[in-house]
Amino acid sequence: MANTAKDAPASAEERRALDAEELQLADMARHPALGQLSDRALSDLVSRLRTRRNRARDIADRQGREARAKAAPAGATAASGNAGTLNKHDYLNAALDRALAERTARGEQGA
């Protein structure tokens, strides 16, 4: 499979937004590594990406509420914004979409 924009290596912004483990998960959700995963490993990747994405979404929601003074701060000071966490959510969501597309494609090939 030829590299597409979706399969390109992580950008500098993506490397900045994701921690080391999240970046490893996102890289596993790119070809050719994605195509080399077993079905079980692919399902595990989808599960781990979904968990990380949901956590980033929940943190971004909390930070947004704190920034608008709608919720008490979780830490010593209220969050001033949630742009970085939203970026993390977006990158994890894109990786999850790639992994789910691969799982769907494998299901269609096996039918």
PDB file of N, CA and C in Angstrom:
ATOM      1  N   MET A   1       0.842  -1.181   0.000  1.00  0.00           N
ATOM      2  CA  MET A   1       0.000   0.000   0.000  1.00  0.00           C
ATOM      3  C   MET A   1       0.884   1.239   0.000  1.00  0.00           C
ATOM      4  N   ALA A   2       0.589   2.181  -0.835  1.00  0.00           N
ATOM      5  CA  ALA A   2       1.364   3.408  -0.922  1.00  0.00           C
ATOM      6  C   ALA A   2       1.062   4.305   0.272  1.00  0.00           C
ATOM      7  N   ASN A   3       2.074   5.055   0.686  1.00  0.00           N
ATOM      8  CA  ASN A   3       1.861   5.988   1.787  1.00  0.00           C
ATOM      9  C   ASN A   3       0.940   7.107   1.342  1.00  0.00           C
ATOM     10  N   THR A   4      -0.016   7.417   2.190  1.00  0.00           N
ATOM     11  CA  THR A   4      -0.910   8.538   1.961  1.00  0.00           C
ATOM     12  C   THR A   4      -0.675   9.543   3.067  1.00  0.00           C
ATOM     13  N   ALA A   5      -1.378  10.658   3.013  1.00  0.00           N
ATOM     14  CA  ALA A   5      -1.231  11.670   4.053  1.00  0.00           C
ATOM     15  C   ALA A   5      -1.598  11.096   5.412  1.00  0.00           C
ATOM     16  N   LYS A   6      -2.577  10.169   5.436  1.00  0.00           N
ATOM     17  CA  LYS A   6      -2.987   9.573   6.702  1.00  0.00           C
ATOM     18  C   LYS A   6      -1.908   8.669   7.273  1.00  0.00           C
ATOM     19  N   ASP A   7      -1.041   8.126   6.415  1.00  0.00           N
ATOM     20  CA  ASP A   7      -0.021   7.179   6.843  1.00  0.00           C
ATOM     21  C   ASP A   7       1.350   7.834   7.002  1.00  0.00           C
ATOM     22  N   ALA A   8       1.440   9.121   6.767  1.00  0.00           N
ATOM     23  CA  ALA A   8       2.711   9.819   6.872  1.00  0.00           C
ATOM     24  C   ALA A   8       3.212   9.772   8.315  1.00  0.00           C
ATOM     25  N   PRO A   9       4.532   9.846   8.504  1.00  0.00           N
ATOM     26  CA  PRO A   9       5.067   9.849   9.868  1.00  0.00           C
ATOM     27  C   PRO A   9       4.478  11.002  10.686  1.00  0.00           C
ATOM     28  N   ALA A  10       4.543  10.849  11.993  1.00  0.00           N
ATOM     29  CA  ALA A  10       3.991  11.857  12.909  1.00  0.00           C
ATOM     30  C   ALA A  10       4.637  13.215  12.664  1.00  0.00           C
ATOM     31  N   SER A  11       3.829  14.240  12.644  1.00  0.00           N
ATOM     32  CA  SER A  11       4.332  15.598  12.480  1.00  0.00           C
ATOM     33  C   SER A  11       4.959  16.068  13.793  1.00  0.00           C
ATOM     34  N   ALA A  12       5.688  17.162  13.718  1.00  0.00           N
ATOM     35  CA  ALA A  12       6.294  17.720  14.928  1.00  0.00           C
ATOM     36  C   ALA A  12       5.205  18.109  15.926  1.00  0.00           C
ATOM     37  N   GLU A  13       4.102  18.629  15.427  1.00  0.00           N
ATOM     38  CA  GLU A  13       3.006  19.021  16.315  1.00  0.00           C
ATOM     39  C   GLU A  13       2.398  17.796  17.000  1.00  0.00           C
ATOM     40  N   GLU A  14       2.260  16.707  16.245  1.00  0.00           N
ATOM     41  CA  GLU A  14       1.722  15.480  16.838  1.00  0.00           C
ATOM     42  C   GLU A  14       2.679  14.930  17.889  1.00  0.00           C
ATOM     43  N   ARG A  15       3.975  14.951  17.608  1.00  0.00           N
ATOM     44  CA  ARG A  15       4.965  14.476  18.586  1.00  0.00           C
ATOM     45  C   ARG A  15       4.934  15.319  19.845  1.00  0.00           C
ATOM     46  N   ARG A  16       4.658  16.612  19.712  1.00  0.00           N
ATOM     47  CA  ARG A  16       4.560  17.506  20.862  1.00  0.00           C
ATOM     48  C   ARG A  16       3.305  17.219  21.683  1.00  0.00           C
ATOM     49  N   ALA A  17       2.198  16.911  21.004  1.00  0.00           N
ATOM     50  CA  ALA A  17       0.907  16.746  21.682  1.00  0.00           C
ATOM     51  C   ALA A  17       0.784  15.424  22.427  1.00  0.00           C
ATOM     52  N   LEU A  18       1.424  14.380  21.909  1.00  0.00           N
ATOM     53  CA  LEU A  18       1.254  13.042  22.483  1.00  0.00           C
ATOM     54  C   LEU A  18       2.441  12.667  23.354  1.00  0.00           C
ATOM     55  N   ASP A  19       2.160  11.906  24.428  1.00  0.00           N
ATOM     56  CA  ASP A  19       3.278  11.388  25.221  1.00  0.00           C
ATOM     57  C   ASP A  19       3.889  10.199  24.481  1.00  0.00           C
ATOM     58  N   ALA A  20       4.956   9.644  25.017  1.00  0.00           N
ATOM     59  CA  ALA A  20       5.713   8.597  24.313  1.00  0.00           C
ATOM     60  C   ALA A  20       4.848   7.373  24.009  1.00  0.00           C
ATOM     61  N   GLU A  21       4.053   6.933  24.973  1.00  0.00           N
ATOM     62  CA  GLU A  21       3.222   5.748  24.752  1.00  0.00           C
ATOM     63  C   GLU A  21       2.124   6.030  23.729  1.00  0.00           C
ATOM     64  N   GLU A  22       1.528   7.209  23.804  1.00  0.00           N
ATOM     65  CA  GLU A  22       0.480   7.570  22.836  1.00  0.00           C
ATOM     66  C   GLU A  22       1.063   7.685  21.435  1.00  0.00           C
ATOM     67  N   LEU A  23       2.254   8.234  21.326  1.00  0.00           N
ATOM     68  CA  LEU A  23       2.904   8.350  20.024  1.00  0.00           C
ATOM     69  C   LEU A  23       3.209   6.970  19.452  1.00  0.00           C
ATOM     70  N   GLN A  24       3.618   6.041  20.304  1.00  0.00           N
ATOM     71  CA  GLN A  24       3.870   4.673  19.856  1.00  0.00           C
ATOM     72  C   GLN A  24       2.571   4.039  19.340  1.00  0.00           C
ATOM     73  N   LEU A  25       1.465   4.252  20.053  1.00  0.00           N
ATOM     74  CA  LEU A  25       0.171   3.724  19.609  1.00  0.00           C
ATOM     75  C   LEU A  25      -0.222   4.331  18.265  1.00  0.00           C
ATOM     76  N   ALA A  26      -0.036   5.653  18.132  1.00  0.00           N
ATOM     77  CA  ALA A  26      -0.389   6.329  16.884  1.00  0.00           C
ATOM     78  C   ALA A  26       0.472   5.827  15.732  1.00  0.00           C
ATOM     79  N   ASP A  27       1.750   5.574  15.996  1.00  0.00           N
ATOM     80  CA  ASP A  27       2.634   5.049  14.951  1.00  0.00           C
ATOM     81  C   ASP A  27       2.244   3.630  14.552  1.00  0.00           C
ATOM     82  N   MET A  28       1.772   2.833  15.508  1.00  0.00           N
ATOM     83  CA  MET A  28       1.317   1.477  15.194  1.00  0.00           C
ATOM     84  C   MET A  28       0.064   1.511  14.321  1.00  0.00           C
ATOM     85  N   ALA A  29      -0.662   2.630  14.348  1.00  0.00           N
ATOM     86  CA  ALA A  29      -1.886   2.769  13.564  1.00  0.00           C
ATOM     87  C   ALA A  29      -1.612   3.362  12.187  1.00  0.00           C
ATOM     88  N   ARG A  30      -0.359   3.278  11.743  1.00  0.00           N
ATOM     89  CA  ARG A  30       0.019   3.724  10.401  1.00  0.00           C
ATOM     90  C   ARG A  30       0.570   2.543   9.628  1.00  0.00           C
ATOM     91  N   HIS A  31       0.369   2.573   8.316  1.00  0.00           N
ATOM     92  CA  HIS A  31       0.958   1.535   7.477  1.00  0.00           C
ATOM     93  C   HIS A  31       2.435   1.813   7.331  1.00  0.00           C
ATOM     94  N   PRO A  32       3.295   0.828   7.261  1.00  0.00           N
ATOM     95  CA  PRO A  32       3.024  -0.593   7.092  1.00  0.00           C
ATOM     96  C   PRO A  32       2.796  -1.337   8.409  1.00  0.00           C
ATOM     97  N   ALA A  33       3.114  -0.723   9.552  1.00  0.00           N
ATOM     98  CA  ALA A  33       2.987  -1.433  10.830  1.00  0.00           C
ATOM     99  C   ALA A  33       1.562  -1.924  11.066  1.00  0.00           C
ATOM    100  N   LEU A  34       0.583  -1.146  10.681  1.00  0.00           N
ATOM    101  CA  LEU A  34      -0.819  -1.499  10.900  1.00  0.00           C
ATOM    102  C   LEU A  34      -1.186  -2.781  10.163  1.00  0.00           C
ATOM    103  N   GLY A  35      -0.724  -2.931   8.953  1.00  0.00           N
ATOM    104  CA  GLY A  35      -1.028  -4.117   8.167  1.00  0.00           C
ATOM    105  C   GLY A  35      -0.332  -5.374   8.667  1.00  0.00           C
ATOM    106  N   GLN A  36       0.712  -5.209   9.462  1.00  0.00           N
ATOM    107  CA  GLN A  36       1.465  -6.350   9.959  1.00  0.00           C
ATOM    108  C   GLN A  36       0.945  -6.866  11.293  1.00  0.00           C
ATOM    109  N   LEU A  37       0.004  -6.157  11.913  1.00  0.00           N
ATOM    110  CA  LEU A  37      -0.545  -6.593  13.198  1.00  0.00           C
ATOM    111  C   LEU A  37      -1.475  -7.785  13.011  1.00  0.00           C
ATOM    112  N   SER A  38      -1.452  -8.681  13.968  1.00  0.00           N
ATOM    113  CA  SER A  38      -2.419  -9.782  13.963  1.00  0.00           C
ATOM    114  C   SER A  38      -3.794  -9.210  14.296  1.00  0.00           C
ATOM    115  N   ASP A  39      -4.836  -9.992  14.036  1.00  0.00           N
ATOM    116  CA  ASP A  39      -6.186  -9.517  14.348  1.00  0.00           C
ATOM    117  C   ASP A  39      -6.328  -9.215  15.834  1.00  0.00           C
ATOM    118  N   ARG A  40      -5.752 -10.049  16.666  1.00  0.00           N
ATOM    119  CA  ARG A  40      -5.821  -9.839  18.118  1.00  0.00           C
ATOM    120  C   ARG A  40      -5.076  -8.564  18.521  1.00  0.00           C
ATOM    121  N   ALA A  41      -3.888  -8.355  17.960  1.00  0.00           N
ATOM    122  CA  ALA A  41      -3.107  -7.151  18.263  1.00  0.00           C
ATOM    123  C   ALA A  41      -3.829  -5.903  17.761  1.00  0.00           C
ATOM    124  N   LEU A  42      -4.500  -6.010  16.620  1.00  0.00           N
ATOM    125  CA  LEU A  42      -5.264  -4.885  16.095  1.00  0.00           C
ATOM    126  C   LEU A  42      -6.423  -4.535  17.033  1.00  0.00           C
ATOM    127  N   SER A  43      -7.120  -5.547  17.530  1.00  0.00           N
ATOM    128  CA  SER A  43      -8.215  -5.300  18.475  1.00  0.00           C
ATOM    129  C   SER A  43      -7.697  -4.671  19.759  1.00  0.00           C
ATOM    130  N   ASP A  44      -6.524  -5.117  20.216  1.00  0.00           N
ATOM    131  CA  ASP A  44      -5.912  -4.533  21.407  1.00  0.00           C
ATOM    132  C   ASP A  44      -5.538  -3.075  21.158  1.00  0.00           C
ATOM    133  N   LEU A  45      -4.994  -2.785  19.981  1.00  0.00           N
ATOM    134  CA  LEU A  45      -4.640  -1.411  19.615  1.00  0.00           C
ATOM    135  C   LEU A  45      -5.879  -0.523  19.607  1.00  0.00           C
ATOM    136  N   VAL A  46      -6.958  -1.002  19.013  1.00  0.00           N
ATOM    137  CA  VAL A  46      -8.208  -0.231  18.970  1.00  0.00           C
ATOM    138  C   VAL A  46      -8.676   0.069  20.386  1.00  0.00           C
ATOM    139  N   SER A  47      -8.641  -0.916  21.257  1.00  0.00           N
ATOM    140  CA  SER A  47      -9.087  -0.741  22.640  1.00  0.00           C
ATOM    141  C   SER A  47      -8.224   0.284  23.375  1.00  0.00           C
ATOM    142  N   ARG A  48      -6.902   0.176  23.223  1.00  0.00           N
ATOM    143  CA  ARG A  48      -5.995   1.107  23.901  1.00  0.00           C
ATOM    144  C   ARG A  48      -6.148   2.519  23.365  1.00  0.00           C
ATOM    145  N   LEU A  49      -6.296   2.669  22.047  1.00  0.00           N
ATOM    146  CA  LEU A  49      -6.495   4.003  21.463  1.00  0.00           C
ATOM    147  C   LEU A  49      -7.817   4.609  21.933  1.00  0.00           C
ATOM    148  N   ARG A  50      -8.862   3.800  21.977  1.00  0.00           N
ATOM    149  CA  ARG A  50     -10.166   4.298  22.409  1.00  0.00           C
ATOM    150  C   ARG A  50     -10.103   4.785  23.867  1.00  0.00           C
ATOM    151  N   THR A  51      -9.419   4.026  24.721  1.00  0.00           N
ATOM    152  CA  THR A  51      -9.275   4.409  26.125  1.00  0.00           C
ATOM    153  C   THR A  51      -8.517   5.731  26.254  1.00  0.00           C
ATOM    154  N   ARG A  52      -7.413   5.865  25.528  1.00  0.00           N
ATOM    155  CA  ARG A  52      -6.619   7.100  25.583  1.00  0.00           C
ATOM    156  C   ARG A  52      -7.398   8.290  25.021  1.00  0.00           C
ATOM    157  N   ARG A  53      -8.108   8.064  23.907  1.00  0.00           N
ATOM    158  CA  ARG A  53      -8.893   9.141  23.307  1.00  0.00           C
ATOM    159  C   ARG A  53      -9.993   9.615  24.263  1.00  0.00           C
ATOM    160  N   ASN A  54     -10.690   8.669  24.882  1.00  0.00           N
ATOM    161  CA  ASN A  54     -11.764   9.031  25.806  1.00  0.00           C
ATOM    162  C   ASN A  54     -11.223   9.777  27.015  1.00  0.00           C
ATOM    163  N   ARG A  55     -10.051   9.380  27.501  1.00  0.00           N
ATOM    164  CA  ARG A  55      -9.444  10.080  28.636  1.00  0.00           C
ATOM    165  C   ARG A  55      -9.093  11.517  28.242  1.00  0.00           C
ATOM    166  N   ALA A  56      -8.507  11.691  27.060  1.00  0.00           N
ATOM    167  CA  ALA A  56      -8.163  13.037  26.589  1.00  0.00           C
ATOM    168  C   ALA A  56      -9.426  13.883  26.439  1.00  0.00           C
ATOM    169  N   ARG A  57     -10.496  13.286  25.931  1.00  0.00           N
ATOM    170  CA  ARG A  57     -11.767  14.010  25.780  1.00  0.00           C
ATOM    171  C   ARG A  57     -12.303  14.449  27.133  1.00  0.00           C
ATOM    172  N   ASP A  58     -12.278  13.547  28.114  1.00  0.00           N
ATOM    173  CA  ASP A  58     -12.788  13.870  29.439  1.00  0.00           C
ATOM    174  C   ASP A  58     -11.971  14.971  30.110  1.00  0.00           C
ATOM    175  N   ILE A  59     -10.648  14.904  29.967  1.00  0.00           N
ATOM    176  CA  ILE A  59      -9.783  15.943  30.543  1.00  0.00           C
ATOM    177  C   ILE A  59     -10.034  17.279  29.852  1.00  0.00           C
ATOM    178  N   ALA A  60     -10.163  17.267  28.523  1.00  0.00           N
ATOM    179  CA  ALA A  60     -10.431  18.510  27.786  1.00  0.00           C
ATOM    180  C   ALA A  60     -11.761  19.123  28.217  1.00  0.00           C
ATOM    181  N   ASP A  61     -12.765  18.280  28.414  1.00  0.00           N
ATOM    182  CA  ASP A  61     -14.060  18.784  28.872  1.00  0.00           C
ATOM    183  C   ASP A  61     -13.930  19.437  30.243  1.00  0.00           C
ATOM    184  N   ARG A  62     -13.205  18.783  31.162  1.00  0.00           N
ATOM    185  CA  ARG A  62     -13.019  19.331  32.505  1.00  0.00           C
ATOM    186  C   ARG A  62     -12.246  20.646  32.447  1.00  0.00           C
ATOM    187  N   GLN A  63     -11.179  20.679  31.641  1.00  0.00           N
ATOM    188  CA  GLN A  63     -10.386  21.900  31.519  1.00  0.00           C
ATOM    189  C   GLN A  63     -11.210  23.045  30.938  1.00  0.00           C
ATOM    190  N   GLY A  64     -12.060  22.735  29.982  1.00  0.00           N
ATOM    191  CA  GLY A  64     -12.927  23.766  29.412  1.00  0.00           C
ATOM    192  C   GLY A  64     -13.880  24.328  30.442  1.00  0.00           C
ATOM    193  N   ARG A  65     -14.465  23.455  31.265  1.00  0.00           N
ATOM    194  CA  ARG A  65     -15.362  23.919  32.327  1.00  0.00           C
ATOM    195  C   ARG A  65     -14.608  24.775  33.338  1.00  0.00           C
ATOM    196  N   GLU A  66     -13.380  24.361  33.681  1.00  0.00           N
ATOM    197  CA  GLU A  66     -12.564  25.147  34.613  1.00  0.00           C
ATOM    198  C   GLU A  66     -12.236  26.515  34.021  1.00  0.00           C
ATOM    199  N   ALA A  67     -11.876  26.556  32.755  1.00  0.00           N
ATOM    200  CA  ALA A  67     -11.501  27.814  32.104  1.00  0.00           C
ATOM    201  C   ALA A  67     -12.682  28.780  32.054  1.00  0.00           C
ATOM    202  N   ARG A  68     -13.894  28.245  31.954  1.00  0.00           N
ATOM    203  CA  ARG A  68     -15.094  29.090  31.935  1.00  0.00           C
ATOM    204  C   ARG A  68     -15.631  29.343  33.343  1.00  0.00           C
ATOM    205  N   ALA A  69     -14.910  28.868  34.358  1.00  0.00           N
ATOM    206  CA  ALA A  69     -15.287  29.008  35.766  1.00  0.00           C
ATOM    207  C   ALA A  69     -16.620  28.326  36.065  1.00  0.00           C
ATOM    208  N   LYS A  70     -16.908  27.240  35.355  1.00  0.00           N
ATOM    209  CA  LYS A  70     -18.135  26.468  35.585  1.00  0.00           C
ATOM    210  C   LYS A  70     -17.874  25.287  36.509  1.00  0.00           C
ATOM    211  N   ALA A  71     -16.584  24.993  36.773  1.00  0.00           N
ATOM    212  CA  ALA A  71     -16.232  23.872  37.643  1.00  0.00           C
ATOM    213  C   ALA A  71     -15.051  24.274  38.508  1.00  0.00           C
ATOM    214  N   ALA A  72     -14.980  23.666  39.677  1.00  0.00           N
ATOM    215  CA  ALA A  72     -13.857  23.914  40.575  1.00  0.00           C
ATOM    216  C   ALA A  72     -12.594  23.304  39.972  1.00  0.00           C
ATOM    217  N   PRO A  73     -11.442  23.942  40.189  1.00  0.00           N
ATOM    218  CA  PRO A  73     -10.201  23.401  39.625  1.00  0.00           C
ATOM    219  C   PRO A  73      -9.861  22.041  40.226  1.00  0.00           C
ATOM    220  N   ALA A  74      -9.350  21.146  39.390  1.00  0.00           N
ATOM    221  CA  ALA A  74      -8.932  19.824  39.861  1.00  0.00           C
ATOM    222  C   ALA A  74      -7.575  19.923  40.551  1.00  0.00           C
ATOM    223  N   GLY A  75      -6.772  20.910  40.187  1.00  0.00           N
ATOM    224  CA  GLY A  75      -5.456  21.104  40.780  1.00  0.00           C
ATOM    225  C   GLY A  75      -5.416  22.372  41.608  1.00  0.00           C
ATOM    226  N   ALA A  76      -4.216  22.903  41.799  1.00  0.00           N
ATOM    227  CA  ALA A  76      -4.041  24.105  42.608  1.00  0.00           C
ATOM    228  C   ALA A  76      -4.652  25.328  41.943  1.00  0.00           C
ATOM    229  N   THR A  77      -4.571  25.366  40.619  1.00  0.00           N
ATOM    230  CA  THR A  77      -5.151  26.491  39.886  1.00  0.00           C
ATOM    231  C   THR A  77      -6.041  25.967  38.775  1.00  0.00           C
ATOM    232  N   ALA A  78      -6.981  26.784  38.355  1.00  0.00           N
ATOM    233  CA  ALA A  78      -7.895  26.385  37.281  1.00  0.00           C
ATOM    234  C   ALA A  78      -7.152  26.355  35.949  1.00  0.00           C
ATOM    235  N   ALA A  79      -7.579  25.478  35.081  1.00  0.00           N
ATOM    236  CA  ALA A  79      -7.004  25.413  33.738  1.00  0.00           C
ATOM    237  C   ALA A  79      -7.330  26.704  33.003  1.00  0.00           C
ATOM    238  N   SER A  80      -6.383  27.179  32.201  1.00  0.00           N
ATOM    239  CA  SER A  80      -6.615  28.412  31.458  1.00  0.00           C
ATOM    240  C   SER A  80      -7.144  28.142  30.058  1.00  0.00           C
ATOM    241  N   GLY A  81      -7.143  26.893  29.656  1.00  0.00           N
ATOM    242  CA  GLY A  81      -7.643  26.512  28.341  1.00  0.00           C
ATOM    243  C   GLY A  81      -7.444  25.027  28.137  1.00  0.00           C
ATOM    244  N   ASN A  82      -7.939  24.534  27.012  1.00  0.00           N
ATOM    245  CA  ASN A  82      -7.827  23.106  26.760  1.00  0.00           C
ATOM    246  C   ASN A  82      -7.380  22.799  25.335  1.00  0.00           C
ATOM    247  N   ALA A  83      -6.749  23.747  24.674  1.00  0.00           N
ATOM    248  CA  ALA A  83      -6.352  23.558  23.269  1.00  0.00           C
ATOM    249  C   ALA A  83      -5.388  22.393  23.097  1.00  0.00           C
ATOM    250  N   GLY A  84      -4.408  22.261  23.985  1.00  0.00           N
ATOM    251  CA  GLY A  84      -3.447  21.167  23.868  1.00  0.00           C
ATOM    252  C   GLY A  84      -4.095  19.808  24.035  1.00  0.00           C
ATOM    253  N   THR A  85      -5.009  19.707  24.987  1.00  0.00           N
ATOM    254  CA  THR A  85      -5.691  18.433  25.210  1.00  0.00           C
ATOM    255  C   THR A  85      -6.632  18.124  24.053  1.00  0.00           C
ATOM    256  N   LEU A  86      -7.241  19.137  23.470  1.00  0.00           N
ATOM    257  CA  LEU A  86      -8.084  18.913  22.295  1.00  0.00           C
ATOM    258  C   LEU A  86      -7.259  18.419  21.119  1.00  0.00           C
ATOM    259  N   ASN A  87      -6.037  18.960  20.958  1.00  0.00           N
ATOM    260  CA  ASN A  87      -5.137  18.472  19.900  1.00  0.00           C
ATOM    261  C   ASN A  87      -4.808  17.005  20.128  1.00  0.00           C
ATOM    262  N   LYS A  88      -4.508  16.653  21.383  1.00  0.00           N
ATOM    263  CA  LYS A  88      -4.209  15.260  21.721  1.00  0.00           C
ATOM    264  C   LYS A  88      -5.392  14.379  21.357  1.00  0.00           C
ATOM    265  N   HIS A  89      -6.589  14.816  21.710  1.00  0.00           N
ATOM    266  CA  HIS A  89      -7.803  14.058  21.393  1.00  0.00           C
ATOM    267  C   HIS A  89      -7.928  13.856  19.888  1.00  0.00           C
ATOM    268  N   ASP A  90      -7.688  14.914  19.116  1.00  0.00           N
ATOM    269  CA  ASP A  90      -7.822  14.833  17.661  1.00  0.00           C
ATOM    270  C   ASP A  90      -6.822  13.841  17.052  1.00  0.00           C
ATOM    271  N   TYR A  91      -5.572  13.863  17.523  1.00  0.00           N
ATOM    272  CA  TYR A  91      -4.570  12.944  16.990  1.00  0.00           C
ATOM    273  C   TYR A  91      -4.898  11.501  17.364  1.00  0.00           C
ATOM    274  N   LEU A  92      -5.338  11.277  18.594  1.00  0.00           N
ATOM    275  CA  LEU A  92      -5.712   9.929  19.017  1.00  0.00           C
ATOM    276  C   LEU A  92      -6.940   9.447  18.261  1.00  0.00           C
ATOM    277  N   ASN A  93      -7.870  10.349  17.999  1.00  0.00           N
ATOM    278  CA  ASN A  93      -9.066   9.986  17.246  1.00  0.00           C
ATOM    279  C   ASN A  93      -8.702   9.606  15.803  1.00  0.00           C
ATOM    280  N   ALA A  94      -7.766  10.326  15.203  1.00  0.00           N
ATOM    281  CA  ALA A  94      -7.330  10.001  13.841  1.00  0.00           C
ATOM    282  C   ALA A  94      -6.665   8.627  13.814  1.00  0.00           C
ATOM    283  N   ALA A  95      -5.848   8.321  14.823  1.00  0.00           N
ATOM    284  CA  ALA A  95      -5.207   7.007  14.897  1.00  0.00           C
ATOM    285  C   ALA A  95      -6.252   5.914  15.075  1.00  0.00           C
ATOM    286  N   LEU A  96      -7.243   6.180  15.913  1.00  0.00           N
ATOM    287  CA  LEU A  96      -8.316   5.207  16.121  1.00  0.00           C
ATOM    288  C   LEU A  96      -9.089   4.981  14.826  1.00  0.00           C
ATOM    289  N   ASP A  97      -9.361   6.041  14.093  1.00  0.00           N
ATOM    290  CA  ASP A  97     -10.060   5.910  12.806  1.00  0.00           C
ATOM    291  C   ASP A  97      -9.273   5.029  11.833  1.00  0.00           C
ATOM    292  N   ARG A  98      -7.935   5.209  11.790  1.00  0.00           N
ATOM    293  CA  ARG A  98      -7.111   4.390  10.904  1.00  0.00           C
ATOM    294  C   ARG A  98      -7.180   2.919  11.313  1.00  0.00           C
ATOM    295  N   ALA A  99      -7.100   2.651  12.612  1.00  0.00           N
ATOM    296  CA  ALA A  99      -7.141   1.269  13.094  1.00  0.00           C
ATOM    297  C   ALA A  99      -8.508   0.635  12.824  1.00  0.00           C
ATOM    298  N   LEU A 100      -9.576   1.399  13.021  1.00  0.00           N
ATOM    299  CA  LEU A 100     -10.919   0.864  12.765  1.00  0.00           C
ATOM    300  C   LEU A 100     -11.124   0.608  11.273  1.00  0.00           C
ATOM    301  N   ALA A 101     -10.576   1.464  10.430  1.00  0.00           N
ATOM    302  CA  ALA A 101     -10.684   1.258   8.982  1.00  0.00           C
ATOM    303  C   ALA A 101      -9.955  -0.025   8.574  1.00  0.00           C
ATOM    304  N   GLU A 102      -8.809  -0.286   9.188  1.00  0.00           N
ATOM    305  CA  GLU A 102      -8.069  -1.518   8.897  1.00  0.00           C
ATOM    306  C   GLU A 102      -8.873  -2.729   9.355  1.00  0.00           C
ATOM    307  N   ARG A 103      -9.472  -2.648  10.519  1.00  0.00           N
ATOM    308  CA  ARG A 103     -10.266  -3.772  11.016  1.00  0.00           C
ATOM    309  C   ARG A 103     -11.470  -4.021  10.117  1.00  0.00           C
ATOM    310  N   THR A 104     -12.110  -2.959   9.636  1.00  0.00           N
ATOM    311  CA  THR A 104     -13.230  -3.098   8.722  1.00  0.00           C
ATOM    312  C   THR A 104     -12.787  -3.730   7.407  1.00  0.00           C
ATOM    313  N   ALA A 105     -11.644  -3.274   6.893  1.00  0.00           N
ATOM    314  CA  ALA A 105     -11.121  -3.822   5.637  1.00  0.00           C
ATOM    315  C   ALA A 105     -10.813  -5.304   5.779  1.00  0.00           C
ATOM    316  N   ARG A 106     -10.273  -5.706   6.909  1.00  0.00           N
ATOM    317  CA  ARG A 106      -9.965  -7.117   7.122  1.00  0.00           C
ATOM    318  C   ARG A 106     -11.252  -7.934   7.198  1.00  0.00           C
ATOM    319  N   GLY A 107     -12.281  -7.377   7.783  1.00  0.00           N
ATOM    320  CA  GLY A 107     -13.550  -8.075   7.862  1.00  0.00           C
ATOM    321  C   GLY A 107     -14.172  -8.274   6.500  1.00  0.00           C
ATOM    322  N   GLU A 108     -14.012  -7.290   5.619  1.00  0.00           N
ATOM    323  CA  GLU A 108     -14.554  -7.385   4.272  1.00  0.00           C
ATOM    324  C   GLU A 108     -13.773  -8.400   3.446  1.00  0.00           C
ATOM    325  N   GLN A 109     -12.464  -8.498   3.676  1.00  0.00           N
ATOM    326  CA  GLN A 109     -11.649  -9.455   2.930  1.00  0.00           C
ATOM    327  C   GLN A 109     -11.966 -10.889   3.342  1.00  0.00           C
ATOM    328  N   GLY A 110     -12.280 -11.091   4.620  1.00  0.00           N
ATOM    329  CA  GLY A 110     -12.553 -12.424   5.113  1.00  0.00           C
ATOM    330  C   GLY A 110     -13.958 -12.920   4.769  1.00  0.00           C
ATOM    331  N   ALA A 111     -14.835 -12.023   4.343  1.00  0.00           N
ATOM    332  CA  ALA A 111     -16.231 -12.410   4.046  1.00  0.00           C
ATOM    333  C   ALA A 111     -16.365 -13.072   2.699  1.00  0.00           C
TER     334      ALA A 111
END
